[in-house]
Amino acid sequence: MWTSGPYANDQYCTGGQNSGELCGWVVTVANSDVTTDGGLARNVATGTRSSSTCLQGGDSGSPVYTQRFSDSTVAGKGITGSASGNNPCRMLFTAIHRTQLTWPGLGLLTN
């Protein structure tokens, strides 16, 4: 599990049910409130990916993660929220770090 919040220019991947694994995402805004078609998304990170292959309907709730090349593992970074656009693709995600702050016992389960 990623132990800090996202930062601008962090790179990450997503693993959507319909889109599959998509890497090359970059955090553009680390933490903000964003108005979407569904209402206000609070405390989310925004990311973009320069590609015509984007997240698809049904990918919400999928993992956001970072590949650790030093030991060939992955670290969970967040949970996919909404997506829009096409080249560049845009998406919102909730950072795992935020959920850990909300659910203090989570740290005991994952350490």
PDB file of N, CA and C in Angstrom:
ATOM      1  N   MET A   1       0.837  -1.178   0.000  1.00  0.00           N
ATOM      2  CA  MET A   1       0.000   0.000   0.000  1.00  0.00           C
ATOM      3  C   MET A   1       0.879   1.237   0.000  1.00  0.00           C
ATOM      4  N   TRP A   2       0.503   2.218  -0.802  1.00  0.00           N
ATOM      5  CA  TRP A   2       1.217   3.487  -0.839  1.00  0.00           C
ATOM      6  C   TRP A   2       0.994   4.192   0.492  1.00  0.00           C
ATOM      7  N   THR A   3       2.032   4.726   1.087  1.00  0.00           N
ATOM      8  CA  THR A   3       1.919   5.270   2.441  1.00  0.00           C
ATOM      9  C   THR A   3       1.788   6.777   2.503  1.00  0.00           C
ATOM     10  N   SER A   4       1.767   7.444   1.367  1.00  0.00           N
ATOM     11  CA  SER A   4       1.569   8.893   1.375  1.00  0.00           C
ATOM     12  C   SER A   4       0.539   9.258   0.309  1.00  0.00           C
ATOM     13  N   GLY A   5       0.076  10.486   0.366  1.00  0.00           N
ATOM     14  CA  GLY A   5      -0.871  10.944  -0.636  1.00  0.00           C
ATOM     15  C   GLY A   5      -0.193  11.097  -1.984  1.00  0.00           C
ATOM     16  N   PRO A   6      -0.967  11.218  -3.048  1.00  0.00           N
ATOM     17  CA  PRO A   6      -0.380  11.425  -4.371  1.00  0.00           C
ATOM     18  C   PRO A   6       0.227  12.824  -4.477  1.00  0.00           C
ATOM     19  N   TYR A   7       1.222  12.945  -5.328  1.00  0.00           N
ATOM     20  CA  TYR A   7       1.872  14.223  -5.603  1.00  0.00           C
ATOM     21  C   TYR A   7       1.828  14.474  -7.103  1.00  0.00           C
ATOM     22  N   ALA A   8       1.818  15.742  -7.485  1.00  0.00           N
ATOM     23  CA  ALA A   8       1.843  16.094  -8.910  1.00  0.00           C
ATOM     24  C   ALA A   8       3.020  15.400  -9.576  1.00  0.00           C
ATOM     25  N   ASN A   9       2.800  14.884 -10.757  1.00  0.00           N
ATOM     26  CA  ASN A   9       3.767  14.174 -11.595  1.00  0.00           C
ATOM     27  C   ASN A   9       4.030  12.731 -11.175  1.00  0.00           C
ATOM     28  N   ASP A  10       3.373  12.222 -10.123  1.00  0.00           N
ATOM     29  CA  ASP A  10       3.466  10.788  -9.816  1.00  0.00           C
ATOM     30  C   ASP A  10       2.937  10.005 -11.009  1.00  0.00           C
ATOM     31  N   GLN A  11       3.580   8.905 -11.336  1.00  0.00           N
ATOM     32  CA  GLN A  11       3.105   8.035 -12.405  1.00  0.00           C
ATOM     33  C   GLN A  11       2.411   6.832 -11.790  1.00  0.00           C
ATOM     34  N   TYR A  12       1.391   6.325 -12.496  1.00  0.00           N
ATOM     35  CA  TYR A  12       0.643   5.188 -11.959  1.00  0.00           C
ATOM     36  C   TYR A  12      -0.060   4.425 -13.071  1.00  0.00           C
ATOM     37  N   CYS A  13      -0.632   3.286 -12.689  1.00  0.00           N
ATOM     38  CA  CYS A  13      -1.386   2.424 -13.607  1.00  0.00           C
ATOM     39  C   CYS A  13      -2.790   2.219 -13.042  1.00  0.00           C
ATOM     40  N   THR A  14      -3.701   1.790 -13.904  1.00  0.00           N
ATOM     41  CA  THR A  14      -5.036   1.399 -13.475  1.00  0.00           C
ATOM     42  C   THR A  14      -5.313  -0.008 -13.993  1.00  0.00           C
ATOM     43  N   GLY A  15      -6.222  -0.688 -13.341  1.00  0.00           N
ATOM     44  CA  GLY A  15      -6.590  -2.040 -13.761  1.00  0.00           C
ATOM     45  C   GLY A  15      -8.088  -2.178 -13.862  1.00  0.00           C
ATOM     46  N   GLY A  16      -8.674  -1.622 -14.898  1.00  0.00           N
ATOM     47  CA  GLY A  16     -10.126  -1.605 -15.045  1.00  0.00           C
ATOM     48  C   GLY A  16     -10.718  -2.917 -15.519  1.00  0.00           C
ATOM     49  N   GLN A  17     -11.941  -3.185 -15.086  1.00  0.00           N
ATOM     50  CA  GLN A  17     -12.652  -4.400 -15.498  1.00  0.00           C
ATOM     51  C   GLN A  17     -12.792  -4.463 -17.014  1.00  0.00           C
ATOM     52  N   ASN A  18     -13.110  -3.333 -17.644  1.00  0.00           N
ATOM     53  CA  ASN A  18     -13.335  -3.320 -19.087  1.00  0.00           C
ATOM     54  C   ASN A  18     -12.127  -2.862 -19.889  1.00  0.00           C
ATOM     55  N   SER A  19     -11.328  -1.958 -19.347  1.00  0.00           N
ATOM     56  CA  SER A  19     -10.183  -1.429 -20.108  1.00  0.00           C
ATOM     57  C   SER A  19      -8.911  -2.241 -19.888  1.00  0.00           C
ATOM     58  N   GLY A  20      -8.874  -3.050 -18.822  1.00  0.00           N
ATOM     59  CA  GLY A  20      -7.655  -3.804 -18.510  1.00  0.00           C
ATOM     60  C   GLY A  20      -6.597  -2.903 -17.901  1.00  0.00           C
ATOM     61  N   GLU A  21      -5.357  -3.337 -17.941  1.00  0.00           N
ATOM     62  CA  GLU A  21      -4.270  -2.557 -17.359  1.00  0.00           C
ATOM     63  C   GLU A  21      -3.886  -1.411 -18.292  1.00  0.00           C
ATOM     64  N   LEU A  22      -3.869  -0.204 -17.725  1.00  0.00           N
ATOM     65  CA  LEU A  22      -3.438   0.981 -18.466  1.00  0.00           C
ATOM     66  C   LEU A  22      -2.388   1.705 -17.629  1.00  0.00           C
ATOM     67  N   CYS A  23      -1.179   1.783 -18.116  1.00  0.00           N
ATOM     68  CA  CYS A  23      -0.125   2.514 -17.423  1.00  0.00           C
ATOM     69  C   CYS A  23       0.144   3.827 -18.164  1.00  0.00           C
ATOM     70  N   GLY A  24       1.001   4.634 -17.615  1.00  0.00           N
ATOM     71  CA  GLY A  24       1.332   5.912 -18.235  1.00  0.00           C
ATOM     72  C   GLY A  24       0.484   7.065 -17.734  1.00  0.00           C
ATOM     73  N   TRP A  25      -0.302   6.852 -16.681  1.00  0.00           N
ATOM     74  CA  TRP A  25      -1.064   7.932 -16.069  1.00  0.00           C
ATOM     75  C   TRP A  25      -0.118   8.820 -15.266  1.00  0.00           C
ATOM     76  N   VAL A  26      -0.426  10.108 -15.192  1.00  0.00           N
ATOM     77  CA  VAL A  26       0.367  11.064 -14.419  1.00  0.00           C
ATOM     78  C   VAL A  26      -0.585  11.928 -13.600  1.00  0.00           C
ATOM     79  N   VAL A  27      -0.287  12.083 -12.308  1.00  0.00           N
ATOM     80  CA  VAL A  27      -1.096  12.943 -11.445  1.00  0.00           C
ATOM     81  C   VAL A  27      -0.881  14.392 -11.868  1.00  0.00           C
ATOM     82  N   THR A  28      -1.972  15.093 -12.157  1.00  0.00           N
ATOM     83  CA  THR A  28      -1.885  16.511 -12.521  1.00  0.00           C
ATOM     84  C   THR A  28      -2.267  17.412 -11.350  1.00  0.00           C
ATOM     85  N   VAL A  29      -3.250  16.993 -10.554  1.00  0.00           N
ATOM     86  CA  VAL A  29      -3.639  17.725  -9.343  1.00  0.00           C
ATOM     87  C   VAL A  29      -3.748  16.689  -8.232  1.00  0.00           C
ATOM     88  N   ALA A  30      -2.996  16.888  -7.163  1.00  0.00           N
ATOM     89  CA  ALA A  30      -2.901  15.863  -6.127  1.00  0.00           C
ATOM     90  C   ALA A  30      -4.130  15.759  -5.238  1.00  0.00           C
ATOM     91  N   ASN A  31      -4.788  16.850  -4.932  1.00  0.00           N
ATOM     92  CA  ASN A  31      -5.918  16.800  -4.008  1.00  0.00           C
ATOM     93  C   ASN A  31      -6.805  18.017  -4.235  1.00  0.00           C
ATOM     94  N   SER A  32      -8.039  17.764  -4.670  1.00  0.00           N
ATOM     95  CA  SER A  32      -8.945  18.889  -4.897  1.00  0.00           C
ATOM     96  C   SER A  32     -10.383  18.403  -4.892  1.00  0.00           C
ATOM     97  N   ASP A  33     -11.294  19.351  -4.918  1.00  0.00           N
ATOM     98  CA  ASP A  33     -12.716  19.064  -5.082  1.00  0.00           C
ATOM     99  C   ASP A  33     -13.050  19.348  -6.538  1.00  0.00           C
ATOM    100  N   VAL A  34     -13.698  18.399  -7.210  1.00  0.00           N
ATOM    101  CA  VAL A  34     -13.971  18.516  -8.635  1.00  0.00           C
ATOM    102  C   VAL A  34     -15.464  18.320  -8.894  1.00  0.00           C
ATOM    103  N   THR A  35     -16.055  19.209  -9.668  1.00  0.00           N
ATOM    104  CA  THR A  35     -17.450  19.067 -10.062  1.00  0.00           C
ATOM    105  C   THR A  35     -17.525  18.165 -11.285  1.00  0.00           C
ATOM    106  N   THR A  36     -18.330  17.108 -11.187  1.00  0.00           N
ATOM    107  CA  THR A  36     -18.510  16.158 -12.285  1.00  0.00           C
ATOM    108  C   THR A  36     -19.984  16.131 -12.668  1.00  0.00           C
ATOM    109  N   ASP A  37     -20.320  15.367 -13.695  1.00  0.00           N
ATOM    110  CA  ASP A  37     -21.726  15.208 -14.084  1.00  0.00           C
ATOM    111  C   ASP A  37     -22.554  14.630 -12.936  1.00  0.00           C
ATOM    112  N   GLY A  38     -21.917  13.832 -12.078  1.00  0.00           N
ATOM    113  CA  GLY A  38     -22.620  13.190 -10.969  1.00  0.00           C
ATOM    114  C   GLY A  38     -22.657  14.016  -9.694  1.00  0.00           C
ATOM    115  N   GLY A  39     -22.052  15.195  -9.698  1.00  0.00           N
ATOM    116  CA  GLY A  39     -22.036  16.023  -8.495  1.00  0.00           C
ATOM    117  C   GLY A  39     -20.621  16.448  -8.144  1.00  0.00           C
ATOM    118  N   LEU A  40     -20.378  16.677  -6.871  1.00  0.00           N
ATOM    119  CA  LEU A  40     -19.082  17.136  -6.392  1.00  0.00           C
ATOM    120  C   LEU A  40     -18.266  15.969  -5.859  1.00  0.00           C
ATOM    121  N   ALA A  41     -17.081  15.767  -6.405  1.00  0.00           N
ATOM    122  CA  ALA A  41     -16.154  14.742  -5.901  1.00  0.00           C
ATOM    123  C   ALA A  41     -15.145  15.461  -5.006  1.00  0.00           C
ATOM    124  N   ARG A  42     -15.110  15.100  -3.741  1.00  0.00           N
ATOM    125  CA  ARG A  42     -14.246  15.785  -2.772  1.00  0.00           C
ATOM    126  C   ARG A  42     -12.947  15.031  -2.540  1.00  0.00           C
ATOM    127  N   ASN A  43     -11.884  15.807  -2.351  1.00  0.00           N
ATOM    128  CA  ASN A  43     -10.576  15.255  -1.970  1.00  0.00           C
ATOM    129  C   ASN A  43     -10.094  14.164  -2.918  1.00  0.00           C
ATOM    130  N   VAL A  44     -10.139  14.425  -4.197  1.00  0.00           N
ATOM    131  CA  VAL A  44      -9.705  13.440  -5.186  1.00  0.00           C
ATOM    132  C   VAL A  44      -8.442  13.922  -5.897  1.00  0.00           C
ATOM    133  N   ALA A  45      -7.724  12.983  -6.453  1.00  0.00           N
ATOM    134  CA  ALA A  45      -6.569  13.284  -7.304  1.00  0.00           C
ATOM    135  C   ALA A  45      -7.034  13.221  -8.748  1.00  0.00           C
ATOM    136  N   THR A  46      -6.454  14.059  -9.580  1.00  0.00           N
ATOM    137  CA  THR A  46      -6.766  14.079 -11.003  1.00  0.00           C
ATOM    138  C   THR A  46      -5.539  13.616 -11.770  1.00  0.00           C
ATOM    139  N   GLY A  47      -5.753  12.777 -12.770  1.00  0.00           N
ATOM    140  CA  GLY A  47      -4.646  12.300 -13.592  1.00  0.00           C
ATOM    141  C   GLY A  47      -4.998  12.321 -15.060  1.00  0.00           C
ATOM    142  N   THR A  48      -3.959  12.346 -15.896  1.00  0.00           N
ATOM    143  CA  THR A  48      -4.162  12.295 -17.340  1.00  0.00           C
ATOM    144  C   THR A  48      -3.234  11.246 -17.943  1.00  0.00           C
ATOM    145  N   ARG A  49      -3.605  10.825 -19.143  1.00  0.00           N
ATOM    146  CA  ARG A  49      -2.822   9.841 -19.899  1.00  0.00           C
ATOM    147  C   ARG A  49      -2.926  10.230 -21.364  1.00  0.00           C
ATOM    148  N   SER A  50      -1.797  10.399 -22.022  1.00  0.00           N
ATOM    149  CA  SER A  50      -1.783  10.793 -23.440  1.00  0.00           C
ATOM    150  C   SER A  50      -1.967   9.562 -24.311  1.00  0.00           C
ATOM    151  N   SER A  51      -3.218   9.244 -24.579  1.00  0.00           N
ATOM    152  CA  SER A  51      -3.526   8.080 -25.396  1.00  0.00           C
ATOM    153  C   SER A  51      -4.986   8.132 -25.803  1.00  0.00           C
ATOM    154  N   SER A  52      -5.324   7.413 -26.831  1.00  0.00           N
ATOM    155  CA  SER A  52      -6.737   7.301 -27.198  1.00  0.00           C
ATOM    156  C   SER A  52      -7.379   6.111 -26.489  1.00  0.00           C
ATOM    157  N   THR A  53      -6.588   5.299 -25.795  1.00  0.00           N
ATOM    158  CA  THR A  53      -7.120   4.185 -25.014  1.00  0.00           C
ATOM    159  C   THR A  53      -7.301   4.672 -23.582  1.00  0.00           C
ATOM    160  N   CYS A  54      -8.548   4.830 -23.179  1.00  0.00           N
ATOM    161  CA  CYS A  54      -8.875   5.409 -21.874  1.00  0.00           C
ATOM    162  C   CYS A  54      -9.678   4.420 -21.039  1.00  0.00           C
ATOM    163  N   LEU A  55      -9.972   4.818 -19.802  1.00  0.00           N
ATOM    164  CA  LEU A  55     -10.865   4.033 -18.975  1.00  0.00           C
ATOM    165  C   LEU A  55     -12.237   3.981 -19.634  1.00  0.00           C
ATOM    166  N   GLN A  56     -12.970   2.911 -19.364  1.00  0.00           N
ATOM    167  CA  GLN A  56     -14.281   2.708 -19.977  1.00  0.00           C
ATOM    168  C   GLN A  56     -15.349   2.617 -18.899  1.00  0.00           C
ATOM    169  N   GLY A  57     -16.602   2.689 -19.328  1.00  0.00           N
ATOM    170  CA  GLY A  57     -17.700   2.490 -18.393  1.00  0.00           C
ATOM    171  C   GLY A  57     -17.549   1.154 -17.689  1.00  0.00           C
ATOM    172  N   GLY A  58     -17.795   1.122 -16.400  1.00  0.00           N
ATOM    173  CA  GLY A  58     -17.641  -0.103 -15.619  1.00  0.00           C
ATOM    174  C   GLY A  58     -16.286  -0.237 -14.953  1.00  0.00           C
ATOM    175  N   ASP A  59     -15.361   0.698 -15.219  1.00  0.00           N
ATOM    176  CA  ASP A  59     -14.034   0.641 -14.602  1.00  0.00           C
ATOM    177  C   ASP A  59     -13.980   1.318 -13.229  1.00  0.00           C
ATOM    178  N   SER A  60     -15.021   2.062 -12.854  1.00  0.00           N
ATOM    179  CA  SER A  60     -15.033   2.720 -11.545  1.00  0.00           C
ATOM    180  C   SER A  60     -14.868   1.691 -10.440  1.00  0.00           C
ATOM    181  N   GLY A  61     -14.099   2.049  -9.440  1.00  0.00           N
ATOM    182  CA  GLY A  61     -13.837   1.134  -8.327  1.00  0.00           C
ATOM    183  C   GLY A  61     -12.628   0.251  -8.546  1.00  0.00           C
ATOM    184  N   SER A  62     -12.007   0.350  -9.699  1.00  0.00           N
ATOM    185  CA  SER A  62     -10.834  -0.481  -9.988  1.00  0.00           C
ATOM    186  C   SER A  62      -9.585   0.086  -9.322  1.00  0.00           C
ATOM    187  N   PRO A  63      -8.536  -0.718  -9.211  1.00  0.00           N
ATOM    188  CA  PRO A  63      -7.336  -0.281  -8.504  1.00  0.00           C
ATOM    189  C   PRO A  63      -6.505   0.739  -9.282  1.00  0.00           C
ATOM    190  N   VAL A  64      -5.887   1.609  -8.524  1.00  0.00           N
ATOM    191  CA  VAL A  64      -4.868   2.537  -9.011  1.00  0.00           C
ATOM    192  C   VAL A  64      -3.605   2.134  -8.264  1.00  0.00           C
ATOM    193  N   TYR A  65      -2.510   1.913  -8.972  1.00  0.00           N
ATOM    194  CA  TYR A  65      -1.308   1.401  -8.316  1.00  0.00           C
ATOM    195  C   TYR A  65      -0.054   1.915  -9.004  1.00  0.00           C
ATOM    196  N   THR A  66       1.044   1.798  -8.292  1.00  0.00           N
ATOM    197  CA  THR A  66       2.352   2.183  -8.808  1.00  0.00           C
ATOM    198  C   THR A  66       3.224   0.946  -8.873  1.00  0.00           C
ATOM    199  N   GLN A  67       3.939   0.787  -9.980  1.00  0.00           N
ATOM    200  CA  GLN A  67       4.879  -0.329 -10.105  1.00  0.00           C
ATOM    201  C   GLN A  67       6.192   0.079  -9.457  1.00  0.00           C
ATOM    202  N   ARG A  68       6.687  -0.775  -8.580  1.00  0.00           N
ATOM    203  CA  ARG A  68       7.987  -0.542  -7.942  1.00  0.00           C
ATOM    204  C   ARG A  68       9.026  -1.359  -8.689  1.00  0.00           C
ATOM    205  N   PHE A  69       9.842  -0.671  -9.457  1.00  0.00           N
ATOM    206  CA  PHE A  69      10.812  -1.376 -10.280  1.00  0.00           C
ATOM    207  C   PHE A  69      11.986  -1.906  -9.470  1.00  0.00           C
ATOM    208  N   SER A  70      12.214  -1.347  -8.282  1.00  0.00           N
ATOM    209  CA  SER A  70      13.339  -1.800  -7.464  1.00  0.00           C
ATOM    210  C   SER A  70      13.177  -3.249  -7.015  1.00  0.00           C
ATOM    211  N   ASP A  71      11.920  -3.679  -6.742  1.00  0.00           N
ATOM    212  CA  ASP A  71      11.716  -5.059  -6.301  1.00  0.00           C
ATOM    213  C   ASP A  71      10.593  -5.771  -7.070  1.00  0.00           C
ATOM    214  N   SER A  72      10.164  -5.205  -8.190  1.00  0.00           N
ATOM    215  CA  SER A  72       9.158  -5.806  -9.077  1.00  0.00           C
ATOM    216  C   SER A  72       7.815  -6.063  -8.398  1.00  0.00           C
ATOM    217  N   THR A  73       7.433  -5.200  -7.464  1.00  0.00           N
ATOM    218  CA  THR A  73       6.135  -5.332  -6.821  1.00  0.00           C
ATOM    219  C   THR A  73       5.279  -4.117  -7.206  1.00  0.00           C
ATOM    220  N   VAL A  74       4.042  -4.144  -6.776  1.00  0.00           N
ATOM    221  CA  VAL A  74       3.169  -2.995  -6.971  1.00  0.00           C
ATOM    222  C   VAL A  74       2.694  -2.509  -5.610  1.00  0.00           C
ATOM    223  N   ALA A  75       2.357  -1.226  -5.547  1.00  0.00           N
ATOM    224  CA  ALA A  75       1.823  -0.643  -4.319  1.00  0.00           C
ATOM    225  C   ALA A  75       0.485  -0.010  -4.658  1.00  0.00           C
ATOM    226  N   GLY A  76      -0.550  -0.392  -3.917  1.00  0.00           N
ATOM    227  CA  GLY A  76      -1.860   0.196  -4.119  1.00  0.00           C
ATOM    228  C   GLY A  76      -1.812   1.683  -3.826  1.00  0.00           C
ATOM    229  N   LYS A  77      -2.353   2.478  -4.735  1.00  0.00           N
ATOM    230  CA  LYS A  77      -2.301   3.932  -4.602  1.00  0.00           C
ATOM    231  C   LYS A  77      -3.687   4.530  -4.421  1.00  0.00           C
ATOM    232  N   GLY A  78      -4.732   3.886  -4.978  1.00  0.00           N
ATOM    233  CA  GLY A  78      -6.058   4.455  -4.850  1.00  0.00           C
ATOM    234  C   GLY A  78      -7.138   3.639  -5.520  1.00  0.00           C
ATOM    235  N   ILE A  79      -8.310   4.275  -5.638  1.00  0.00           N
ATOM    236  CA  ILE A  79      -9.488   3.644  -6.198  1.00  0.00           C
ATOM    237  C   ILE A  79     -10.045   4.554  -7.289  1.00  0.00           C
ATOM    238  N   THR A  80     -10.245   3.996  -8.481  1.00  0.00           N
ATOM    239  CA  THR A  80     -10.737   4.770  -9.621  1.00  0.00           C
ATOM    240  C   THR A  80     -12.129   5.322  -9.345  1.00  0.00           C
ATOM    241  N   GLY A  81     -12.300   6.589  -9.671  1.00  0.00           N
ATOM    242  CA  GLY A  81     -13.610   7.237  -9.567  1.00  0.00           C
ATOM    243  C   GLY A  81     -14.206   7.385 -10.946  1.00  0.00           C
ATOM    244  N   SER A  82     -14.184   8.588 -11.477  1.00  0.00           N
ATOM    245  CA  SER A  82     -14.774   8.826 -12.794  1.00  0.00           C
ATOM    246  C   SER A  82     -13.700   9.128 -13.820  1.00  0.00           C
ATOM    247  N   ALA A  83     -14.073   9.040 -15.077  1.00  0.00           N
ATOM    248  CA  ALA A  83     -13.133   9.289 -16.172  1.00  0.00           C
ATOM    249  C   ALA A  83     -13.852  10.011 -17.294  1.00  0.00           C
ATOM    250  N   SER A  84     -13.073  10.748 -18.085  1.00  0.00           N
ATOM    251  CA  SER A  84     -13.637  11.444 -19.235  1.00  0.00           C
ATOM    252  C   SER A  84     -12.520  11.764 -20.214  1.00  0.00           C
ATOM    253  N   GLY A  85     -12.907  12.227 -21.374  1.00  0.00           N
ATOM    254  CA  GLY A  85     -11.930  12.684 -22.346  1.00  0.00           C
ATOM    255  C   GLY A  85     -11.316  11.563 -23.156  1.00  0.00           C
ATOM    256  N   ASN A  86     -10.626  11.981 -24.175  1.00  0.00           N
ATOM    257  CA  ASN A  86      -9.963  11.045 -25.055  1.00  0.00           C
ATOM    258  C   ASN A  86      -8.784  11.777 -25.691  1.00  0.00           C
ATOM    259  N   ASN A  87      -7.597  11.374 -25.356  1.00  0.00           N
ATOM    260  CA  ASN A  87      -6.333  11.921 -25.855  1.00  0.00           C
ATOM    261  C   ASN A  87      -6.209  13.426 -25.616  1.00  0.00           C
ATOM    262  N   PRO A  88      -5.987  13.880 -24.400  1.00  0.00           N
ATOM    263  CA  PRO A  88      -5.627  13.023 -23.275  1.00  0.00           C
ATOM    264  C   PRO A  88      -6.849  12.476 -22.531  1.00  0.00           C
ATOM    265  N   CYS A  89      -6.651  11.316 -21.940  1.00  0.00           N
ATOM    266  CA  CYS A  89      -7.657  10.733 -21.065  1.00  0.00           C
ATOM    267  C   CYS A  89      -7.543  11.458 -19.720  1.00  0.00           C
ATOM    268  N   ARG A  90      -8.647  11.607 -19.038  1.00  0.00           N
ATOM    269  CA  ARG A  90      -8.655  12.226 -17.719  1.00  0.00           C
ATOM    270  C   ARG A  90      -9.376  11.302 -16.759  1.00  0.00           C
ATOM    271  N   MET A  91      -8.949  11.298 -15.498  1.00  0.00           N
ATOM    272  CA  MET A  91      -9.613  10.468 -14.493  1.00  0.00           C
ATOM    273  C   MET A  91      -9.459  11.080 -13.121  1.00  0.00           C
ATOM    274  N   LEU A  92     -10.330  10.663 -12.213  1.00  0.00           N
ATOM    275  CA  LEU A  92     -10.262  11.031 -10.811  1.00  0.00           C
ATOM    276  C   LEU A  92     -10.075   9.758 -10.005  1.00  0.00           C
ATOM    277  N   PHE A  93      -9.311   9.845  -8.917  1.00  0.00           N
ATOM    278  CA  PHE A  93      -9.224   8.701  -8.019  1.00  0.00           C
ATOM    279  C   PHE A  93      -9.096   9.163  -6.579  1.00  0.00           C
ATOM    280  N   THR A  94      -9.554   8.304  -5.681  1.00  0.00           N
ATOM    281  CA  THR A  94      -9.421   8.541  -4.247  1.00  0.00           C
ATOM    282  C   THR A  94      -8.171   7.820  -3.776  1.00  0.00           C
ATOM    283  N   ALA A  95      -7.300   8.533  -3.105  1.00  0.00           N
ATOM    284  CA  ALA A  95      -6.040   7.955  -2.645  1.00  0.00           C
ATOM    285  C   ALA A  95      -6.258   7.013  -1.469  1.00  0.00           C
ATOM    286  N   ILE A  96      -5.544   5.895  -1.457  1.00  0.00           N
ATOM    287  CA  ILE A  96      -5.596   4.966  -0.332  1.00  0.00           C
ATOM    288  C   ILE A  96      -5.176   5.664   0.950  1.00  0.00           C
ATOM    289  N   HIS A  97      -4.247   6.578   0.839  1.00  0.00           N
ATOM    290  CA  HIS A  97      -3.787   7.324   2.002  1.00  0.00           C
ATOM    291  C   HIS A  97      -4.969   8.008   2.704  1.00  0.00           C
ATOM    292  N   ARG A  98      -5.922   8.523   1.938  1.00  0.00           N
ATOM    293  CA  ARG A  98      -7.107   9.173   2.524  1.00  0.00           C
ATOM    294  C   ARG A  98      -7.953   8.161   3.289  1.00  0.00           C
ATOM    295  N   THR A  99      -8.152   6.971   2.732  1.00  0.00           N
ATOM    296  CA  THR A  99      -8.970   5.969   3.419  1.00  0.00           C
ATOM    297  C   THR A  99      -8.290   5.509   4.695  1.00  0.00           C
ATOM    298  N   GLN A 100      -6.978   5.447   4.695  1.00  0.00           N
ATOM    299  CA  GLN A 100      -6.262   5.042   5.900  1.00  0.00           C
ATOM    300  C   GLN A 100      -6.448   6.074   7.003  1.00  0.00           C
ATOM    301  N   LEU A 101      -6.495   7.342   6.648  1.00  0.00           N
ATOM    302  CA  LEU A 101      -6.733   8.379   7.648  1.00  0.00           C
ATOM    303  C   LEU A 101      -8.149   8.304   8.199  1.00  0.00           C
ATOM    304  N   THR A 102      -9.091   7.862   7.365  1.00  0.00           N
ATOM    305  CA  THR A 102     -10.491   7.760   7.767  1.00  0.00           C
ATOM    306  C   THR A 102     -10.741   6.521   8.604  1.00  0.00           C
ATOM    307  N   TRP A 103     -10.081   5.417   8.249  1.00  0.00           N
ATOM    308  CA  TRP A 103     -10.245   4.143   8.954  1.00  0.00           C
ATOM    309  C   TRP A 103      -8.947   3.796   9.661  1.00  0.00           C
ATOM    310  N   PRO A 104      -8.741   4.291  10.885  1.00  0.00           N
ATOM    311  CA  PRO A 104      -7.448   4.107  11.551  1.00  0.00           C
ATOM    312  C   PRO A 104      -7.022   2.649  11.714  1.00  0.00           C
ATOM    313  N   GLY A 105      -7.960   1.721  11.833  1.00  0.00           N
ATOM    314  CA  GLY A 105      -7.599   0.322  11.998  1.00  0.00           C
ATOM    315  C   GLY A 105      -7.015  -0.305  10.752  1.00  0.00           C
ATOM    316  N   LEU A 106      -7.188   0.332   9.590  1.00  0.00           N
ATOM    317  CA  LEU A 106      -6.677  -0.208   8.337  1.00  0.00           C
ATOM    318  C   LEU A 106      -5.167  -0.392   8.388  1.00  0.00           C
ATOM    319  N   GLY A 107      -4.466   0.516   9.046  1.00  0.00           N
ATOM    320  CA  GLY A 107      -3.010   0.398   9.154  1.00  0.00           C
ATOM    321  C   GLY A 107      -2.596  -0.868   9.877  1.00  0.00           C
ATOM    322  N   LEU A 108      -3.371  -1.283  10.857  1.00  0.00           N
ATOM    323  CA  LEU A 108      -3.056  -2.513  11.582  1.00  0.00           C
ATOM    324  C   LEU A 108      -3.239  -3.739  10.701  1.00  0.00           C
ATOM    325  N   LEU A 109      -4.222  -3.703   9.814  1.00  0.00           N
ATOM    326  CA  LEU A 109      -4.487  -4.851   8.948  1.00  0.00           C
ATOM    327  C   LEU A 109      -3.475  -4.990   7.821  1.00  0.00           C
ATOM    328  N   THR A 110      -2.873  -3.891   7.387  1.00  0.00           N
ATOM    329  CA  THR A 110      -2.015  -3.943   6.214  1.00  0.00           C
ATOM    330  C   THR A 110      -0.533  -3.918   6.553  1.00  0.00           C
ATOM    331  N   ASN A 111      -0.169  -3.660   7.761  1.00  0.00           N
ATOM    332  CA  ASN A 111       1.267  -3.616   8.118  1.00  0.00           C
ATOM    333  C   ASN A 111       1.793  -4.984   8.475  1.00  0.00           C
TER     334      ASN A 111
END
